[in-house]
């Protein structure tokens, strides 16, 4: 499921860039179950979900990188797609790549 979302994001970003521009996307995600013990008894059981999406925009020898911290299950994609599009649009309008998106 994550792969499909990442592919849709990549397709959306591809349409925003000029011919001489490119990008990379890197997704790191983890889902971990954990249990905390104290004096031999279970004190806390839980689950951690976290993900980071790195967007690197490339024009010639210049690059700009944006890392997005994602949380909240699949609704993360509703937020990450507009944010990545915004960053790509800014890059496409600039003569030089901004130091930060």
PDB file of N, CA and C in Angstrom:
ATOM      1  N   UNK A   1       0.821  -1.191   0.000  1.00  0.00           N
ATOM      2  CA  UNK A   1       0.000   0.000   0.000  1.00  0.00           C
ATOM      3  C   UNK A   1       0.870   1.262   0.000  1.00  0.00           C
ATOM      4  N   UNK A   2       1.919   1.266   0.813  1.00  0.00           N
ATOM      5  CA  UNK A   2       2.820   2.430   0.848  1.00  0.00           C
ATOM      6  C   UNK A   2       3.471   2.638  -0.509  1.00  0.00           C
ATOM      7  N   UNK A   3       3.815   1.539  -1.168  1.00  0.00           N
ATOM      8  CA  UNK A   3       4.468   1.645  -2.474  1.00  0.00           C
ATOM      9  C   UNK A   3       3.560   2.368  -3.469  1.00  0.00           C
ATOM     10  N   UNK A   4       2.277   2.043  -3.459  1.00  0.00           N
ATOM     11  CA  UNK A   4       1.328   2.692  -4.372  1.00  0.00           C
ATOM     12  C   UNK A   4       1.239   4.188  -4.085  1.00  0.00           C
ATOM     13  N   UNK A   5       1.214   4.563  -2.818  1.00  0.00           N
ATOM     14  CA  UNK A   5       1.166   5.983  -2.462  1.00  0.00           C
ATOM     15  C   UNK A   5       2.438   6.696  -2.909  1.00  0.00           C
ATOM     16  N   UNK A   6       3.584   6.062  -2.709  1.00  0.00           N
ATOM     17  CA  UNK A   6       4.854   6.661  -3.114  1.00  0.00           C
ATOM     18  C   UNK A   6       4.915   6.819  -4.636  1.00  0.00           C
ATOM     19  N   UNK A   7       4.413   5.835  -5.364  1.00  0.00           N
ATOM     20  CA  UNK A   7       4.405   5.923  -6.826  1.00  0.00           C
ATOM     21  C   UNK A   7       3.484   7.042  -7.314  1.00  0.00           C
ATOM     22  N   UNK A   8       2.334   7.229  -6.655  1.00  0.00           N
ATOM     23  CA  UNK A   8       1.441   8.331  -7.029  1.00  0.00           C
ATOM     24  C   UNK A   8       2.091   9.681  -6.746  1.00  0.00           C
ATOM     25  N   UNK A   9       2.786   9.771  -5.622  1.00  0.00           N
ATOM     26  CA  UNK A   9       3.489  11.006  -5.285  1.00  0.00           C
ATOM     27  C   UNK A   9       4.562  11.300  -6.332  1.00  0.00           C
ATOM     28  N   UNK A  10       5.335  10.287  -6.709  1.00  0.00           N
ATOM     29  CA  UNK A  10       6.382  10.469  -7.716  1.00  0.00           C
ATOM     30  C   UNK A  10       5.786  10.898  -9.057  1.00  0.00           C
ATOM     31  N   UNK A  11       4.670  10.312  -9.441  1.00  0.00           N
ATOM     32  CA  UNK A  11       4.022  10.681 -10.704  1.00  0.00           C
ATOM     33  C   UNK A  11       3.535  12.127 -10.667  1.00  0.00           C
ATOM     34  N   UNK A  12       2.970  12.532  -9.538  1.00  0.00           N
ATOM     35  CA  UNK A  12       2.486  13.911  -9.405  1.00  0.00           C
ATOM     36  C   UNK A  12       3.637  14.905  -9.488  1.00  0.00           C
ATOM     37  N   UNK A  13       4.760  14.581  -8.857  1.00  0.00           N
ATOM     38  CA  UNK A  13       5.913  15.479  -8.883  1.00  0.00           C
ATOM     39  C   UNK A  13       6.557  15.538 -10.268  1.00  0.00           C
ATOM     40  N   UNK A  14       6.563  14.433 -10.975  1.00  0.00           N
ATOM     41  CA  UNK A  14       7.163  14.400 -12.316  1.00  0.00           C
ATOM     42  C   UNK A  14       6.523  15.415 -13.244  1.00  0.00           C
ATOM     43  N   UNK A  15       5.224  15.604 -13.107  1.00  0.00           N
ATOM     44  CA  UNK A  15       4.515  16.540 -13.967  1.00  0.00           C
ATOM     45  C   UNK A  15       4.776  17.997 -13.651  1.00  0.00           C
ATOM     46  N   UNK A  16       5.414  18.286 -12.529  1.00  0.00           N
ATOM     47  CA  UNK A  16       5.644  19.672 -12.124  1.00  0.00           C
ATOM     48  C   UNK A  16       7.010  20.211 -12.528  1.00  0.00           C
ATOM     49  N   UNK A  17       7.919  19.338 -12.888  1.00  0.00           N
ATOM     50  CA  UNK A  17       9.291  19.772 -13.141  1.00  0.00           C
ATOM     51  C   UNK A  17       9.528  20.077 -14.614  1.00  0.00           C
ATOM     52  N   UNK A  18      10.493  20.949 -14.841  1.00  0.00           N
ATOM     53  CA  UNK A  18      10.916  21.257 -16.207  1.00  0.00           C
ATOM     54  C   UNK A  18      11.765  20.110 -16.737  1.00  0.00           C
ATOM     55  N   UNK A  19      12.044  20.177 -18.035  1.00  0.00           N
ATOM     56  CA  UNK A  19      12.801  19.105 -18.681  1.00  0.00           C
ATOM     57  C   UNK A  19      14.186  18.922 -18.062  1.00  0.00           C
ATOM     58  N   UNK A  20      14.815  19.990 -17.653  1.00  0.00           N
ATOM     59  CA  UNK A  20      16.182  19.910 -17.127  1.00  0.00           C
ATOM     60  C   UNK A  20      16.228  19.596 -15.633  1.00  0.00           C
ATOM     61  N   UNK A  21      15.084  19.361 -15.018  1.00  0.00           N
ATOM     62  CA  UNK A  21      15.039  19.116 -13.580  1.00  0.00           C
ATOM     63  C   UNK A  21      14.726  17.649 -13.298  1.00  0.00           C
ATOM     64  N   UNK A  22      15.124  17.225 -12.122  1.00  0.00           N
ATOM     65  CA  UNK A  22      14.841  15.865 -11.686  1.00  0.00           C
ATOM     66  C   UNK A  22      14.634  15.840 -10.185  1.00  0.00           C
ATOM     67  N   UNK A  23      14.302  14.672  -9.673  1.00  0.00           N
ATOM     68  CA  UNK A  23      14.113  14.543  -8.234  1.00  0.00           C
ATOM     69  C   UNK A  23      14.326  13.096  -7.813  1.00  0.00           C
ATOM     70  N   UNK A  24      14.567  12.916  -6.540  1.00  0.00           N
ATOM     71  CA  UNK A  24      14.568  11.588  -5.936  1.00  0.00           C
ATOM     72  C   UNK A  24      13.661  11.640  -4.715  1.00  0.00           C
ATOM     73  N   UNK A  25      13.037  10.528  -4.425  1.00  0.00           N
ATOM     74  CA  UNK A  25      12.245  10.366  -3.208  1.00  0.00           C
ATOM     75  C   UNK A  25      12.815   9.181  -2.450  1.00  0.00           C
ATOM     76  N   UNK A  26      12.933   9.330  -1.148  1.00  0.00           N
ATOM     77  CA  UNK A  26      13.427   8.250  -0.305  1.00  0.00           C
ATOM     78  C   UNK A  26      12.489   8.150   0.888  1.00  0.00           C
ATOM     79  N   UNK A  27      11.916   6.982   1.076  1.00  0.00           N
ATOM     80  CA  UNK A  27      10.989   6.766   2.183  1.00  0.00           C
ATOM     81  C   UNK A  27      11.611   5.804   3.177  1.00  0.00           C
ATOM     82  N   UNK A  28      11.666   6.219   4.425  1.00  0.00           N
ATOM     83  CA  UNK A  28      12.079   5.344   5.518  1.00  0.00           C
ATOM     84  C   UNK A  28      10.893   5.244   6.460  1.00  0.00           C
ATOM     85  N   UNK A  29      10.456   4.021   6.738  1.00  0.00           N
ATOM     86  CA  UNK A  29       9.294   3.847   7.607  1.00  0.00           C
ATOM     87  C   UNK A  29       9.502   2.631   8.498  1.00  0.00           C
ATOM     88  N   UNK A  30       8.904   2.692   9.678  1.00  0.00           N
ATOM     89  CA  UNK A  30       8.979   1.557  10.584  1.00  0.00           C
ATOM     90  C   UNK A  30       7.689   1.449  11.382  1.00  0.00           C
ATOM     91  N   UNK A  31       7.354   0.232  11.678  1.00  0.00           N
ATOM     92  CA  UNK A  31       6.238  -0.064  12.579  1.00  0.00           C
ATOM     93  C   UNK A  31       6.771  -1.086  13.570  1.00  0.00           C
ATOM     94  N   UNK A  32       6.777  -0.724  14.844  1.00  0.00           N
ATOM     95  CA  UNK A  32       7.370  -1.564  15.872  1.00  0.00           C
ATOM     96  C   UNK A  32       6.389  -1.759  17.021  1.00  0.00           C
ATOM     97  N   UNK A  33       6.230  -3.004  17.429  1.00  0.00           N
ATOM     98  CA  UNK A  33       5.480  -3.312  18.646  1.00  0.00           C
ATOM     99  C   UNK A  33       6.479  -3.403  19.785  1.00  0.00           C
ATOM    100  N   UNK A  34       6.088  -2.925  20.957  1.00  0.00           N
ATOM    101  CA  UNK A  34       7.001  -2.994  22.091  1.00  0.00           C
ATOM    102  C   UNK A  34       6.246  -3.316  23.371  1.00  0.00           C
ATOM    103  N   UNK A  35       6.994  -3.840  24.341  1.00  0.00           N
ATOM    104  CA  UNK A  35       6.466  -4.127  25.680  1.00  0.00           C
ATOM    105  C   UNK A  35       7.501  -3.655  26.683  1.00  0.00           C
ATOM    106  N   UNK A  36       7.059  -2.919  27.690  1.00  0.00           N
ATOM    107  CA  UNK A  36       7.944  -2.490  28.775  1.00  0.00           C
ATOM    108  C   UNK A  36       7.624  -3.300  30.020  1.00  0.00           C
ATOM    109  N   UNK A  37       8.684  -3.782  30.630  1.00  0.00           N
ATOM    110  CA  UNK A  37       8.546  -4.573  31.850  1.00  0.00           C
ATOM    111  C   UNK A  37       9.117  -3.799  33.025  1.00  0.00           C
ATOM    112  N   UNK A  38       8.593  -4.046  34.198  1.00  0.00           N
ATOM    113  CA  UNK A  38       9.122  -3.490  35.436  1.00  0.00           C
ATOM    114  C   UNK A  38       8.881  -4.530  36.525  1.00  0.00           C
ATOM    115  N   UNK A  39       9.957  -4.979  37.150  1.00  0.00           N
ATOM    116  CA  UNK A  39       9.885  -6.009  38.195  1.00  0.00           C
ATOM    117  C   UNK A  39       9.144  -7.251  37.703  1.00  0.00           C
ATOM    118  N   UNK A  40       9.420  -7.660  36.479  1.00  0.00           N
ATOM    119  CA  UNK A  40       8.846  -8.884  35.936  1.00  0.00           C
ATOM    120  C   UNK A  40       7.399  -8.780  35.496  1.00  0.00           C
ATOM    121  N   UNK A  41       6.826  -7.612  35.515  1.00  0.00           N
ATOM    122  CA  UNK A  41       5.431  -7.435  35.102  1.00  0.00           C
ATOM    123  C   UNK A  41       5.362  -6.509  33.884  1.00  0.00           C
ATOM    124  N   UNK A  42       4.395  -6.796  33.029  1.00  0.00           N
ATOM    125  CA  UNK A  42       4.178  -5.937  31.863  1.00  0.00           C
ATOM    126  C   UNK A  42       3.594  -4.614  32.345  1.00  0.00           C
ATOM    127  N   UNK A  43       4.277  -3.534  32.046  1.00  0.00           N
ATOM    128  CA  UNK A  43       3.818  -2.206  32.469  1.00  0.00           C
ATOM    129  C   UNK A  43       3.213  -1.409  31.319  1.00  0.00           C
ATOM    130  N   UNK A  44       3.702  -1.660  30.131  1.00  0.00           N
ATOM    131  CA  UNK A  44       3.192  -0.907  28.990  1.00  0.00           C
ATOM    132  C   UNK A  44       3.420  -1.707  27.717  1.00  0.00           C
ATOM    133  N   UNK A  45       2.397  -1.827  26.916  1.00  0.00           N
ATOM    134  CA  UNK A  45       2.511  -2.446  25.595  1.00  0.00           C
ATOM    135  C   UNK A  45       2.033  -1.413  24.582  1.00  0.00           C
ATOM    136  N   UNK A  46       2.685  -1.368  23.455  1.00  0.00           N
ATOM    137  CA  UNK A  46       2.282  -0.362  22.471  1.00  0.00           C
ATOM    138  C   UNK A  46       2.885  -0.600  21.110  1.00  0.00           C
ATOM    139  N   UNK A  47       2.663   0.352  20.266  1.00  0.00           N
ATOM    140  CA  UNK A  47       3.131   0.288  18.889  1.00  0.00           C
ATOM    141  C   UNK A  47       3.643   1.667  18.479  1.00  0.00           C
ATOM    142  N   UNK A  48       4.747   1.682  17.759  1.00  0.00           N
ATOM    143  CA  UNK A  48       5.315   2.923  17.243  1.00  0.00           C
ATOM    144  C   UNK A  48       5.267   2.865  15.720  1.00  0.00           C
ATOM    145  N   UNK A  49       4.716   3.917  15.119  1.00  0.00           N
ATOM    146  CA  UNK A  49       4.721   4.059  13.658  1.00  0.00           C
ATOM    147  C   UNK A  49       5.367   5.392  13.341  1.00  0.00           C
ATOM    148  N   UNK A  50       6.370   5.366  12.503  1.00  0.00           N
ATOM    149  CA  UNK A  50       6.988   6.618  12.075  1.00  0.00           C
ATOM    150  C   UNK A  50       7.530   6.450  10.668  1.00  0.00           C
ATOM    151  N   UNK A  51       7.596   7.564   9.974  1.00  0.00           N
ATOM    152  CA  UNK A  51       8.099   7.541   8.603  1.00  0.00           C
ATOM    153  C   UNK A  51       8.708   8.896   8.272  1.00  0.00           C
ATOM    154  N   UNK A  52       9.717   8.857   7.423  1.00  0.00           N
ATOM    155  CA  UNK A  52      10.370  10.068   6.939  1.00  0.00           C
ATOM    156  C   UNK A  52      10.441   9.984   5.424  1.00  0.00           C
ATOM    157  N   UNK A  53      10.098  11.073   4.780  1.00  0.00           N
ATOM    158  CA  UNK A  53      10.155  11.151   3.333  1.00  0.00           C
ATOM    159  C   UNK A  53      11.157  12.238   2.969  1.00  0.00           C
ATOM    160  N   UNK A  54      12.189  11.861   2.228  1.00  0.00           N
ATOM    161  CA  UNK A  54      13.189  12.817   1.752  1.00  0.00           C
ATOM    162  C   UNK A  54      12.926  13.105   0.279  1.00  0.00           C
ATOM    163  N   UNK A  55      12.796  14.371  -0.049  1.00  0.00           N
ATOM    164  CA  UNK A  55      12.615  14.824  -1.423  1.00  0.00           C
ATOM    165  C   UNK A  55      13.858  15.616  -1.809  1.00  0.00           C
ATOM    166  N   UNK A  56      14.533  15.185  -2.844  1.00  0.00           N
ATOM    167  CA  UNK A  56      15.708  15.899  -3.357  1.00  0.00           C
ATOM    168  C   UNK A  56      15.373  16.403  -4.751  1.00  0.00           C
ATOM    169  N   UNK A  57      15.418  17.702  -4.922  1.00  0.00           N
ATOM    170  CA  UNK A  57      15.146  18.334  -6.209  1.00  0.00           C
ATOM    171  C   UNK A  57      16.479  18.689  -6.855  1.00  0.00           C
ATOM    172  N   UNK A  58      16.625  18.370  -8.130  1.00  0.00           N
ATOM    173  CA  UNK A  58      17.918  18.491  -8.807  1.00  0.00           C
ATOM    174  C   UNK A  58      17.758  19.326 -10.074  1.00  0.00           C
ATOM    175  N   UNK A  59      18.653  20.305 -10.224  1.00  0.00           N
ATOM    176  CA  UNK A  59      18.748  21.098 -11.452  1.00  0.00           C
ATOM    177  C   UNK A  59      20.227  21.276 -11.744  1.00  0.00           C
ATOM    178  N   UNK A  60      20.682  20.620 -12.788  1.00  0.00           N
ATOM    179  CA  UNK A  60      22.107  20.681 -13.111  1.00  0.00           C
ATOM    180  C   UNK A  60      22.933  20.107 -11.974  1.00  0.00           C
ATOM    181  N   UNK A  61      23.886  20.913 -11.488  1.00  0.00           N
ATOM    182  CA  UNK A  61      24.738  20.464 -10.388  1.00  0.00           C
ATOM    183  C   UNK A  61      24.220  20.917  -9.032  1.00  0.00           C
ATOM    184  N   UNK A  62      23.077  21.588  -9.010  1.00  0.00           N
ATOM    185  CA  UNK A  62      22.521  22.103  -7.754  1.00  0.00           C
ATOM    186  C   UNK A  62      21.397  21.204  -7.270  1.00  0.00           C
ATOM    187  N   UNK A  63      21.271  21.144  -5.946  1.00  0.00           N
ATOM    188  CA  UNK A  63      20.247  20.306  -5.341  1.00  0.00           C
ATOM    189  C   UNK A  63      19.648  20.997  -4.131  1.00  0.00           C
ATOM    190  N   UNK A  64      18.396  20.696  -3.866  1.00  0.00           N
ATOM    191  CA  UNK A  64      17.718  21.149  -2.648  1.00  0.00           C
ATOM    192  C   UNK A  64      17.025  19.932  -2.050  1.00  0.00           C
ATOM    193  N   UNK A  65      17.110  19.799  -0.735  1.00  0.00           N
ATOM    194  CA  UNK A  65      16.535  18.641  -0.059  1.00  0.00           C
ATOM    195  C   UNK A  65      15.530  19.085   0.987  1.00  0.00           C
ATOM    196  N   UNK A  66      14.441  18.362   1.071  1.00  0.00           N
ATOM    197  CA  UNK A  66      13.413  18.603   2.083  1.00  0.00           C
ATOM    198  C   UNK A  66      13.089  17.263   2.734  1.00  0.00           C
ATOM    199  N   UNK A  67      13.146  17.207   4.060  1.00  0.00           N
ATOM    200  CA  UNK A  67      12.738  15.992   4.765  1.00  0.00           C
ATOM    201  C   UNK A  67      11.417  16.255   5.471  1.00  0.00           C
ATOM    202  N   UNK A  68      10.466  15.359   5.240  1.00  0.00           N
ATOM    203  CA  UNK A  68       9.159  15.460   5.870  1.00  0.00           C
ATOM    204  C   UNK A  68       9.024  14.335   6.881  1.00  0.00           C
ATOM    205  N   UNK A  69       8.671  14.673   8.094  1.00  0.00           N
ATOM    206  CA  UNK A  69       8.396  13.678   9.124  1.00  0.00           C
ATOM    207  C   UNK A  69       6.918  13.343   9.035  1.00  0.00           C
ATOM    208  N   UNK A  70       6.617  12.079   8.804  1.00  0.00           N
ATOM    209  CA  UNK A  70       5.241  11.659   8.572  1.00  0.00           C
ATOM    210  C   UNK A  70       4.742  10.813   9.737  1.00  0.00           C
ATOM    211  N   UNK A  71       3.510  11.020  10.115  1.00  0.00           N
ATOM    212  CA  UNK A  71       2.896  10.190  11.152  1.00  0.00           C
ATOM    213  C   UNK A  71       1.401  10.144  10.908  1.00  0.00           C
ATOM    214  N   UNK A  72       0.728   9.235  11.578  1.00  0.00           N
ATOM    215  CA  UNK A  72      -0.721   9.190  11.478  1.00  0.00           C
ATOM    216  C   UNK A  72      -1.261   8.237  10.434  1.00  0.00           C
ATOM    217  N   UNK A  73      -0.526   7.181  10.123  1.00  0.00           N
ATOM    218  CA  UNK A  73      -1.045   6.193   9.191  1.00  0.00           C
ATOM    219  C   UNK A  73      -1.109   6.721   7.773  1.00  0.00           C
ATOM    220  N   UNK A  74      -2.126   6.300   7.032  1.00  0.00           N
ATOM    221  CA  UNK A  74      -2.233   6.650   5.619  1.00  0.00           C
ATOM    222  C   UNK A  74      -2.614   8.101   5.385  1.00  0.00           C
ATOM    223  N   UNK A  75      -3.134   8.789   6.362  1.00  0.00           N
ATOM    224  CA  UNK A  75      -3.470  10.196   6.132  1.00  0.00           C
ATOM    225  C   UNK A  75      -2.220  11.057   5.947  1.00  0.00           C
ATOM    226  N   UNK A  76      -1.035  10.490   6.223  1.00  0.00           N
ATOM    227  CA  UNK A  76       0.209  11.223   5.976  1.00  0.00           C
ATOM    228  C   UNK A  76       0.323  11.643   4.525  1.00  0.00           C
ATOM    229  N   UNK A  77      -0.222  10.862   3.613  1.00  0.00           N
ATOM    230  CA  UNK A  77      -0.070  11.145   2.193  1.00  0.00           C
ATOM    231  C   UNK A  77      -0.896  12.344   1.768  1.00  0.00           C
ATOM    232  N   UNK A  78      -1.976  12.614   2.461  1.00  0.00           N
ATOM    233  CA  UNK A  78      -2.765  13.812   2.135  1.00  0.00           C
ATOM    234  C   UNK A  78      -1.949  15.066   2.417  1.00  0.00           C
ATOM    235  N   UNK A  79      -1.073  15.010   3.383  1.00  0.00           N
ATOM    236  CA  UNK A  79      -0.248  16.162   3.729  1.00  0.00           C
ATOM    237  C   UNK A  79       1.019  16.197   2.894  1.00  0.00           C
ATOM    238  N   UNK A  80       1.664  15.054   2.685  1.00  0.00           N
ATOM    239  CA  UNK A  80       2.968  15.049   2.022  1.00  0.00           C
ATOM    240  C   UNK A  80       2.882  15.419   0.545  1.00  0.00           C
ATOM    241  N   UNK A  81       1.838  15.013  -0.136  1.00  0.00           N
ATOM    242  CA  UNK A  81       1.734  15.333  -1.567  1.00  0.00           C
ATOM    243  C   UNK A  81       1.670  16.837  -1.814  1.00  0.00           C
ATOM    244  N   UNK A  82       0.786  17.584  -1.130  1.00  0.00           N
ATOM    245  CA  UNK A  82       0.782  19.043  -1.360  1.00  0.00           C
ATOM    246  C   UNK A  82       2.097  19.704  -0.961  1.00  0.00           C
ATOM    247  N   UNK A  83       2.720  19.252   0.113  1.00  0.00           N
ATOM    248  CA  UNK A  83       3.981  19.850   0.567  1.00  0.00           C
ATOM    249  C   UNK A  83       5.084  19.616  -0.464  1.00  0.00           C
ATOM    250  N   UNK A  84       5.183  18.411  -0.987  1.00  0.00           N
ATOM    251  CA  UNK A  84       6.191  18.118  -2.006  1.00  0.00           C
ATOM    252  C   UNK A  84       5.912  18.888  -3.289  1.00  0.00           C
ATOM    253  N   UNK A  85       4.646  18.997  -3.667  1.00  0.00           N
ATOM    254  CA  UNK A  85       4.293  19.781  -4.859  1.00  0.00           C
ATOM    255  C   UNK A  85       4.693  21.239  -4.692  1.00  0.00           C
ATOM    256  N   UNK A  86       4.428  21.791  -3.513  1.00  0.00           N
ATOM    257  CA  UNK A  86       4.789  23.184  -3.230  1.00  0.00           C
ATOM    258  C   UNK A  86       6.294  23.379  -3.392  1.00  0.00           C
ATOM    259  N   UNK A  87       7.063  22.475  -2.843  1.00  0.00           N
ATOM    260  CA  UNK A  87       8.523  22.575  -2.917  1.00  0.00           C
ATOM    261  C   UNK A  87       8.982  22.466  -4.377  1.00  0.00           C
ATOM    262  N   UNK A  88       8.394  21.547  -5.135  1.00  0.00           N
ATOM    263  CA  UNK A  88       8.774  21.378  -6.540  1.00  0.00           C
ATOM    264  C   UNK A  88       8.410  22.617  -7.360  1.00  0.00           C
ATOM    265  N   UNK A  89       7.264  23.207  -7.099  1.00  0.00           N
ATOM    266  CA  UNK A  89       6.859  24.426  -7.820  1.00  0.00           C
ATOM    267  C   UNK A  89       7.809  25.578  -7.530  1.00  0.00           C
ATOM    268  N   UNK A  90       8.195  25.713  -6.260  1.00  0.00           N
ATOM    269  CA  UNK A  90       9.143  26.775  -5.903  1.00  0.00           C
ATOM    270  C   UNK A  90      10.443  26.596  -6.660  1.00  0.00           C
ATOM    271  N   UNK A  91      10.918  25.379  -6.727  1.00  0.00           N
ATOM    272  CA  UNK A  91      12.167  25.106  -7.427  1.00  0.00           C
ATOM    273  C   UNK A  91      12.035  25.446  -8.907  1.00  0.00           C
ATOM    274  N   UNK A  92      10.935  25.052  -9.519  1.00  0.00           N
ATOM    275  CA  UNK A  92      10.755  25.278 -10.953  1.00  0.00           C
ATOM    276  C   UNK A  92      10.700  26.754 -11.312  1.00  0.00           C
ATOM    277  N   UNK A  93      10.231  27.606 -10.412  1.00  0.00           N
ATOM    278  CA  UNK A  93      10.124  29.042 -10.691  1.00  0.00           C
ATOM    279  C   UNK A  93      11.423  29.790 -10.447  1.00  0.00           C
ATOM    280  N   UNK A  94      12.332  29.209  -9.686  1.00  0.00           N
ATOM    281  CA  UNK A  94      13.562  29.916  -9.304  1.00  0.00           C
ATOM    282  C   UNK A  94      14.634  29.767 -10.374  1.00  0.00           C
ATOM    283  N   UNK A  95      15.393  30.837 -10.571  1.00  0.00           N
ATOM    284  CA  UNK A  95      16.558  30.744 -11.455  1.00  0.00           C
ATOM    285  C   UNK A  95      17.663  29.943 -10.774  1.00  0.00           C
ATOM    286  N   UNK A  96      17.779  30.110  -9.474  1.00  0.00           N
ATOM    287  CA  UNK A  96      18.731  29.322  -8.697  1.00  0.00           C
ATOM    288  C   UNK A  96      17.945  28.540  -7.661  1.00  0.00           C
ATOM    289  N   UNK A  97      18.474  27.428  -7.245  1.00  0.00           N
ATOM    290  CA  UNK A  97      17.785  26.598  -6.260  1.00  0.00           C
ATOM    291  C   UNK A  97      17.864  27.268  -4.901  1.00  0.00           C
ATOM    292  N   UNK A  98      16.731  27.400  -4.210  1.00  0.00           N
ATOM    293  CA  UNK A  98      16.761  28.012  -2.881  1.00  0.00           C
ATOM    294  C   UNK A  98      17.542  27.150  -1.911  1.00  0.00           C
ATOM    295  N   UNK A  99      18.103  27.786  -0.870  1.00  0.00           N
ATOM    296  CA  UNK A  99      18.884  27.027   0.107  1.00  0.00           C
ATOM    297  C   UNK A  99      18.002  26.077   0.889  1.00  0.00           C
ATOM    298  N   UNK A 100      16.721  26.369   0.959  1.00  0.00           N
ATOM    299  CA  UNK A 100      15.798  25.492   1.673  1.00  0.00           C
ATOM    300  C   UNK A 100      14.416  25.699   1.100  1.00  0.00           C
ATOM    301  N   UNK A 101      13.677  24.612   0.976  1.00  0.00           N
ATOM    302  CA  UNK A 101      12.305  24.726   0.439  1.00  0.00           C
ATOM    303  C   UNK A 101      11.397  25.106   1.561  1.00  0.00           C
TER     304      UNK A 101
END
